[in-house]
Amino acid sequence: MRVCSERRQRRWPVHEFGKENVHVNSGADLAFRSGFNPHYAGKRAECDGGAHIAGTKYAGRQFFAGSLTGAYRDYGDYPWRWYLMTELTQMPTGYAQEAVWCDEGSLILEDE
């Protein structure tokens, strides 16, 4: 699960993610292609993943629930797709971000 490094005071605008472009994620210097999937826009979802536990060599499970924006990022030549989740209703204790990037394989759509 990738955590958004940007914290914004407003909602994530969908139109910013609607173009097919190649970007460089300055946090990890990984190239990605961004896009928009209208089928996922506004869908309620759950995302189960993991993250590094600070100060250790271990990772722990993390659970999120919220709304998908439809925005995605594909990483690598064989695309590894991540969707942006906002309006978080469930998140780990102490999670300070307003959004999270979820691996497509870890998503469970609530309405389907």
N, C-alpha and C. Protein backbone atom coordinates (compact mmCIF):
# COMPACT_ATOMS: atom_id res chain seq x y z
N MET A 1 0.84 -1.16 0.00
CA MET A 1 0.00 0.00 0.00
C MET A 1 0.89 1.23 0.00
N ARG A 2 0.68 2.14 -0.90
CA ARG A 2 1.46 3.38 -0.95
C ARG A 2 0.67 4.47 -0.25
N VAL A 3 1.32 5.18 0.61
CA VAL A 3 0.67 6.27 1.33
C VAL A 3 0.91 7.55 0.57
N CYS A 4 -0.14 8.34 0.39
CA CYS A 4 0.01 9.63 -0.30
C CYS A 4 0.96 10.51 0.49
N SER A 5 1.93 11.06 -0.18
CA SER A 5 2.86 11.95 0.49
C SER A 5 2.35 13.38 0.50
N GLU A 6 1.32 13.64 -0.27
CA GLU A 6 0.77 14.99 -0.34
C GLU A 6 -0.46 15.08 0.55
N ARG A 7 -0.50 16.09 1.39
CA ARG A 7 -1.66 16.32 2.24
C ARG A 7 -2.32 17.59 1.72
N ARG A 8 -3.57 17.50 1.37
CA ARG A 8 -4.28 18.66 0.82
C ARG A 8 -5.48 18.98 1.69
N GLN A 9 -5.85 20.23 1.72
CA GLN A 9 -7.00 20.67 2.50
C GLN A 9 -8.30 20.49 1.75
N ARG A 10 -8.25 20.24 0.45
CA ARG A 10 -9.45 20.06 -0.34
C ARG A 10 -9.52 18.64 -0.86
N ARG A 11 -10.65 18.29 -1.45
CA ARG A 11 -10.80 16.95 -2.03
C ARG A 11 -9.85 16.78 -3.20
N TRP A 12 -9.49 15.54 -3.50
CA TRP A 12 -8.64 15.25 -4.64
C TRP A 12 -9.47 15.41 -5.90
N PRO A 13 -9.18 16.39 -6.75
CA PRO A 13 -9.97 16.57 -7.97
C PRO A 13 -9.71 15.46 -8.98
N VAL A 14 -10.79 14.88 -9.47
CA VAL A 14 -10.68 13.78 -10.41
C VAL A 14 -10.02 14.22 -11.70
N HIS A 15 -10.31 15.45 -12.16
CA HIS A 15 -9.81 15.87 -13.46
C HIS A 15 -8.29 15.95 -13.52
N GLU A 16 -7.60 16.06 -12.40
CA GLU A 16 -6.14 16.08 -12.41
C GLU A 16 -5.56 14.74 -12.84
N PHE A 17 -6.33 13.66 -12.70
CA PHE A 17 -5.81 12.34 -12.96
C PHE A 17 -6.34 11.74 -14.26
N GLY A 18 -7.11 12.50 -15.03
CA GLY A 18 -7.76 11.97 -16.20
C GLY A 18 -6.88 11.82 -17.43
N LYS A 19 -5.69 12.37 -17.44
CA LYS A 19 -4.82 12.32 -18.61
C LYS A 19 -3.83 11.18 -18.49
N GLU A 20 -3.52 10.57 -19.62
CA GLU A 20 -2.50 9.52 -19.66
C GLU A 20 -1.14 10.20 -19.82
N ASN A 21 -0.34 10.20 -18.80
CA ASN A 21 0.98 10.80 -18.83
C ASN A 21 1.95 9.92 -18.07
N VAL A 22 3.22 10.10 -18.35
CA VAL A 22 4.24 9.43 -17.57
C VAL A 22 4.84 10.46 -16.63
N HIS A 23 4.89 10.13 -15.36
CA HIS A 23 5.39 11.04 -14.33
C HIS A 23 6.52 10.36 -13.58
N VAL A 24 7.21 11.12 -12.77
CA VAL A 24 8.18 10.54 -11.85
C VAL A 24 7.71 10.86 -10.44
N ASN A 25 7.53 9.84 -9.65
CA ASN A 25 7.14 9.98 -8.26
C ASN A 25 8.39 10.35 -7.49
N SER A 26 8.49 11.59 -7.05
CA SER A 26 9.72 12.08 -6.44
C SER A 26 10.06 11.37 -5.14
N GLY A 27 9.05 10.78 -4.47
CA GLY A 27 9.31 10.09 -3.22
C GLY A 27 10.15 8.83 -3.42
N ALA A 28 9.88 8.07 -4.45
CA ALA A 28 10.59 6.82 -4.66
C ALA A 28 11.33 6.80 -6.00
N ASP A 29 11.23 7.86 -6.78
CA ASP A 29 11.85 7.95 -8.10
C ASP A 29 11.47 6.79 -9.01
N LEU A 30 10.22 6.37 -8.95
CA LEU A 30 9.71 5.32 -9.81
C LEU A 30 8.81 5.95 -10.86
N ALA A 31 9.02 5.58 -12.12
CA ALA A 31 8.16 6.10 -13.18
C ALA A 31 6.82 5.40 -13.12
N PHE A 32 5.76 6.15 -13.39
CA PHE A 32 4.43 5.57 -13.43
C PHE A 32 3.59 6.26 -14.48
N ARG A 33 2.56 5.56 -14.93
CA ARG A 33 1.60 6.11 -15.88
C ARG A 33 0.31 6.31 -15.11
N SER A 34 -0.24 7.53 -15.16
CA SER A 34 -1.49 7.79 -14.44
C SER A 34 -2.66 7.72 -15.40
N GLY A 35 -3.81 7.42 -14.85
CA GLY A 35 -5.02 7.33 -15.66
C GLY A 35 -6.26 7.41 -14.79
N PHE A 36 -7.40 7.17 -15.40
CA PHE A 36 -8.68 7.27 -14.71
C PHE A 36 -9.59 6.14 -15.16
N ASN A 37 -10.18 5.43 -14.20
CA ASN A 37 -11.12 4.35 -14.48
C ASN A 37 -12.50 4.78 -13.97
N PRO A 38 -13.41 5.19 -14.85
CA PRO A 38 -14.72 5.67 -14.40
C PRO A 38 -15.54 4.62 -13.67
N HIS A 39 -15.26 3.32 -13.90
CA HIS A 39 -15.99 2.25 -13.21
C HIS A 39 -15.74 2.29 -11.70
N TYR A 40 -14.55 2.75 -11.28
CA TYR A 40 -14.20 2.79 -9.87
C TYR A 40 -14.53 4.14 -9.20
N ALA A 41 -14.78 5.17 -9.97
CA ALA A 41 -15.01 6.51 -9.40
C ALA A 41 -16.23 6.51 -8.49
N GLY A 42 -16.02 6.95 -7.25
CA GLY A 42 -17.10 7.07 -6.28
C GLY A 42 -17.50 5.78 -5.59
N LYS A 43 -16.87 4.66 -5.95
CA LYS A 43 -17.21 3.36 -5.32
C LYS A 43 -16.63 3.29 -3.92
N ARG A 44 -17.42 2.74 -3.00
CA ARG A 44 -16.94 2.48 -1.64
C ARG A 44 -16.12 1.19 -1.70
N ALA A 45 -15.00 1.18 -1.00
CA ALA A 45 -14.12 0.02 -1.05
C ALA A 45 -13.37 -0.16 0.26
N GLU A 46 -12.84 -1.35 0.41
CA GLU A 46 -11.95 -1.67 1.51
C GLU A 46 -10.61 -2.08 0.91
N CYS A 47 -9.55 -1.81 1.65
CA CYS A 47 -8.21 -2.09 1.17
C CYS A 47 -7.40 -2.65 2.33
N ASP A 48 -6.87 -3.83 2.13
CA ASP A 48 -6.05 -4.47 3.15
C ASP A 48 -4.64 -4.58 2.61
N GLY A 49 -3.70 -4.09 3.37
CA GLY A 49 -2.31 -4.13 2.92
C GLY A 49 -1.36 -4.10 4.08
N GLY A 50 -0.16 -3.69 3.82
CA GLY A 50 0.84 -3.65 4.87
C GLY A 50 1.78 -2.48 4.70
N ALA A 51 2.49 -2.17 5.75
CA ALA A 51 3.46 -1.07 5.71
C ALA A 51 4.56 -1.33 6.72
N HIS A 52 5.66 -0.70 6.51
CA HIS A 52 6.81 -0.81 7.41
C HIS A 52 6.43 -0.28 8.79
N ILE A 53 6.87 -0.97 9.84
CA ILE A 53 6.69 -0.50 11.21
C ILE A 53 7.94 0.28 11.57
N ALA A 54 7.77 1.57 11.81
CA ALA A 54 8.91 2.46 12.06
C ALA A 54 9.80 1.93 13.18
N GLY A 55 11.09 2.01 12.96
CA GLY A 55 12.06 1.61 13.95
C GLY A 55 12.32 0.11 14.01
N THR A 56 11.71 -0.65 13.09
CA THR A 56 11.91 -2.10 13.06
C THR A 56 12.24 -2.55 11.64
N LYS A 57 12.51 -3.82 11.49
CA LYS A 57 12.69 -4.40 10.16
C LYS A 57 11.43 -5.14 9.72
N TYR A 58 10.32 -4.91 10.43
CA TYR A 58 9.07 -5.63 10.19
C TYR A 58 8.01 -4.77 9.52
N ALA A 59 7.02 -5.45 8.99
CA ALA A 59 5.85 -4.77 8.44
C ALA A 59 4.62 -5.30 9.17
N GLY A 60 3.57 -4.49 9.18
CA GLY A 60 2.33 -4.90 9.83
C GLY A 60 1.15 -4.72 8.90
N ARG A 61 0.04 -5.36 9.20
CA ARG A 61 -1.17 -5.26 8.40
C ARG A 61 -1.83 -3.91 8.66
N GLN A 62 -2.42 -3.36 7.60
CA GLN A 62 -3.17 -2.11 7.71
C GLN A 62 -4.47 -2.26 6.94
N PHE A 63 -5.55 -1.71 7.49
CA PHE A 63 -6.86 -1.79 6.86
C PHE A 63 -7.40 -0.39 6.64
N PHE A 64 -7.94 -0.14 5.44
CA PHE A 64 -8.54 1.14 5.09
C PHE A 64 -9.91 0.89 4.47
N ALA A 65 -10.82 1.84 4.67
CA ALA A 65 -12.11 1.85 3.97
C ALA A 65 -12.37 3.29 3.57
N GLY A 66 -12.95 3.48 2.40
CA GLY A 66 -13.21 4.83 1.92
C GLY A 66 -13.79 4.79 0.52
N SER A 67 -13.66 5.90 -0.20
CA SER A 67 -14.19 6.02 -1.56
C SER A 67 -13.05 6.10 -2.56
N LEU A 68 -13.17 5.36 -3.64
CA LEU A 68 -12.19 5.43 -4.71
C LEU A 68 -12.49 6.62 -5.60
N THR A 69 -11.44 7.28 -6.06
CA THR A 69 -11.62 8.43 -6.94
C THR A 69 -11.69 8.01 -8.40
N GLY A 70 -11.20 6.83 -8.71
CA GLY A 70 -11.08 6.38 -10.09
C GLY A 70 -9.68 6.62 -10.64
N ALA A 71 -8.92 7.48 -9.96
CA ALA A 71 -7.54 7.76 -10.38
C ALA A 71 -6.67 6.54 -10.08
N TYR A 72 -5.78 6.23 -11.01
CA TYR A 72 -4.85 5.13 -10.78
C TYR A 72 -3.47 5.48 -11.28
N ARG A 73 -2.52 4.68 -10.83
CA ARG A 73 -1.14 4.76 -11.30
C ARG A 73 -0.67 3.35 -11.61
N ASP A 74 -0.06 3.20 -12.79
CA ASP A 74 0.53 1.92 -13.19
C ASP A 74 2.04 2.04 -13.08
N TYR A 75 2.65 1.10 -12.38
CA TYR A 75 4.10 1.07 -12.21
C TYR A 75 4.67 -0.12 -12.97
N GLY A 76 5.78 0.08 -13.65
CA GLY A 76 6.50 -1.00 -14.31
C GLY A 76 6.02 -1.34 -15.70
N ASP A 77 6.83 -2.13 -16.40
CA ASP A 77 6.50 -2.56 -17.76
C ASP A 77 5.31 -3.52 -17.76
N TYR A 78 5.23 -4.37 -16.73
CA TYR A 78 4.06 -5.21 -16.54
C TYR A 78 3.26 -4.51 -15.46
N PRO A 79 2.24 -3.72 -15.84
CA PRO A 79 1.62 -2.77 -14.92
C PRO A 79 1.19 -3.34 -13.57
N TRP A 80 1.59 -2.63 -12.54
CA TRP A 80 1.19 -2.90 -11.17
C TRP A 80 0.31 -1.71 -10.80
N ARG A 81 -1.00 -1.89 -10.76
CA ARG A 81 -1.96 -0.79 -10.65
C ARG A 81 -2.34 -0.49 -9.20
N TRP A 82 -2.33 0.81 -8.89
CA TRP A 82 -2.71 1.33 -7.57
C TRP A 82 -3.81 2.37 -7.75
N TYR A 83 -4.86 2.28 -6.93
CA TYR A 83 -5.99 3.22 -6.99
C TYR A 83 -5.97 4.16 -5.79
N LEU A 84 -6.39 5.40 -6.02
CA LEU A 84 -6.43 6.40 -4.96
C LEU A 84 -7.74 6.31 -4.19
N MET A 85 -7.65 6.14 -2.88
CA MET A 85 -8.81 6.09 -1.99
C MET A 85 -8.80 7.34 -1.11
N THR A 86 -9.95 8.02 -1.04
CA THR A 86 -10.11 9.21 -0.20
C THR A 86 -11.34 9.02 0.68
N GLU A 87 -11.76 10.08 1.36
CA GLU A 87 -12.93 10.04 2.25
C GLU A 87 -12.85 8.80 3.14
N LEU A 88 -11.71 8.63 3.79
CA LEU A 88 -11.44 7.44 4.59
C LEU A 88 -12.37 7.38 5.80
N THR A 89 -13.04 6.23 5.95
CA THR A 89 -13.92 6.00 7.11
C THR A 89 -13.27 5.06 8.11
N GLN A 90 -12.30 4.27 7.65
CA GLN A 90 -11.51 3.41 8.54
C GLN A 90 -10.07 3.48 8.10
N MET A 91 -9.18 3.58 9.09
CA MET A 91 -7.75 3.67 8.82
C MET A 91 -7.00 3.27 10.09
N PRO A 92 -5.72 2.97 9.99
CA PRO A 92 -4.96 2.61 11.19
C PRO A 92 -4.91 3.77 12.18
N THR A 93 -4.83 3.44 13.45
CA THR A 93 -4.70 4.46 14.50
C THR A 93 -3.48 5.32 14.22
N GLY A 94 -3.66 6.62 14.28
CA GLY A 94 -2.56 7.55 14.07
C GLY A 94 -2.27 7.87 12.62
N TYR A 95 -3.03 7.31 11.68
CA TYR A 95 -2.80 7.60 10.26
C TYR A 95 -3.20 9.05 10.01
N ALA A 96 -2.27 9.86 9.52
CA ALA A 96 -2.48 11.31 9.42
C ALA A 96 -2.81 11.81 8.01
N GLN A 97 -2.80 10.94 7.01
CA GLN A 97 -3.04 11.37 5.64
C GLN A 97 -4.54 11.36 5.33
N GLU A 98 -4.91 12.09 4.28
CA GLU A 98 -6.32 12.16 3.87
C GLU A 98 -6.65 11.15 2.77
N ALA A 99 -5.64 10.48 2.25
CA ALA A 99 -5.84 9.54 1.15
C ALA A 99 -4.76 8.47 1.21
N VAL A 100 -4.99 7.39 0.45
CA VAL A 100 -4.03 6.29 0.40
C VAL A 100 -4.11 5.66 -0.99
N TRP A 101 -2.97 5.20 -1.50
CA TRP A 101 -2.94 4.45 -2.76
C TRP A 101 -3.04 2.98 -2.42
N CYS A 102 -4.00 2.27 -3.01
CA CYS A 102 -4.24 0.87 -2.72
C CYS A 102 -3.94 0.00 -3.95
N ASP A 103 -3.24 -1.09 -3.72
CA ASP A 103 -2.97 -2.07 -4.76
C ASP A 103 -4.30 -2.65 -5.24
N GLU A 104 -4.49 -2.72 -6.55
CA GLU A 104 -5.74 -3.21 -7.10
C GLU A 104 -6.09 -4.60 -6.58
N GLY A 105 -5.11 -5.43 -6.38
CA GLY A 105 -5.33 -6.78 -5.88
C GLY A 105 -5.78 -6.83 -4.43
N SER A 106 -5.62 -5.74 -3.69
CA SER A 106 -6.02 -5.67 -2.29
C SER A 106 -7.37 -4.98 -2.09
N LEU A 107 -8.00 -4.55 -3.17
CA LEU A 107 -9.28 -3.83 -3.08
C LEU A 107 -10.46 -4.79 -3.03
N ILE A 108 -11.42 -4.46 -2.18
CA ILE A 108 -12.71 -5.15 -2.16
C ILE A 108 -13.77 -4.08 -2.32
N LEU A 109 -14.49 -4.10 -3.44
CA LEU A 109 -15.55 -3.13 -3.69
C LEU A 109 -16.77 -3.52 -2.86
N GLU A 110 -17.33 -2.57 -2.09
CA GLU A 110 -18.43 -2.87 -1.19
C GLU A 110 -19.74 -3.12 -1.91
N ASP A 111 -19.93 -2.53 -3.08
CA ASP A 111 -21.20 -2.64 -3.80
C ASP A 111 -21.26 -3.84 -4.75
N GLU A 112 -20.22 -4.63 -4.81
CA GLU A 112 -20.20 -5.73 -5.78
C GLU A 112 -20.00 -7.06 -5.11
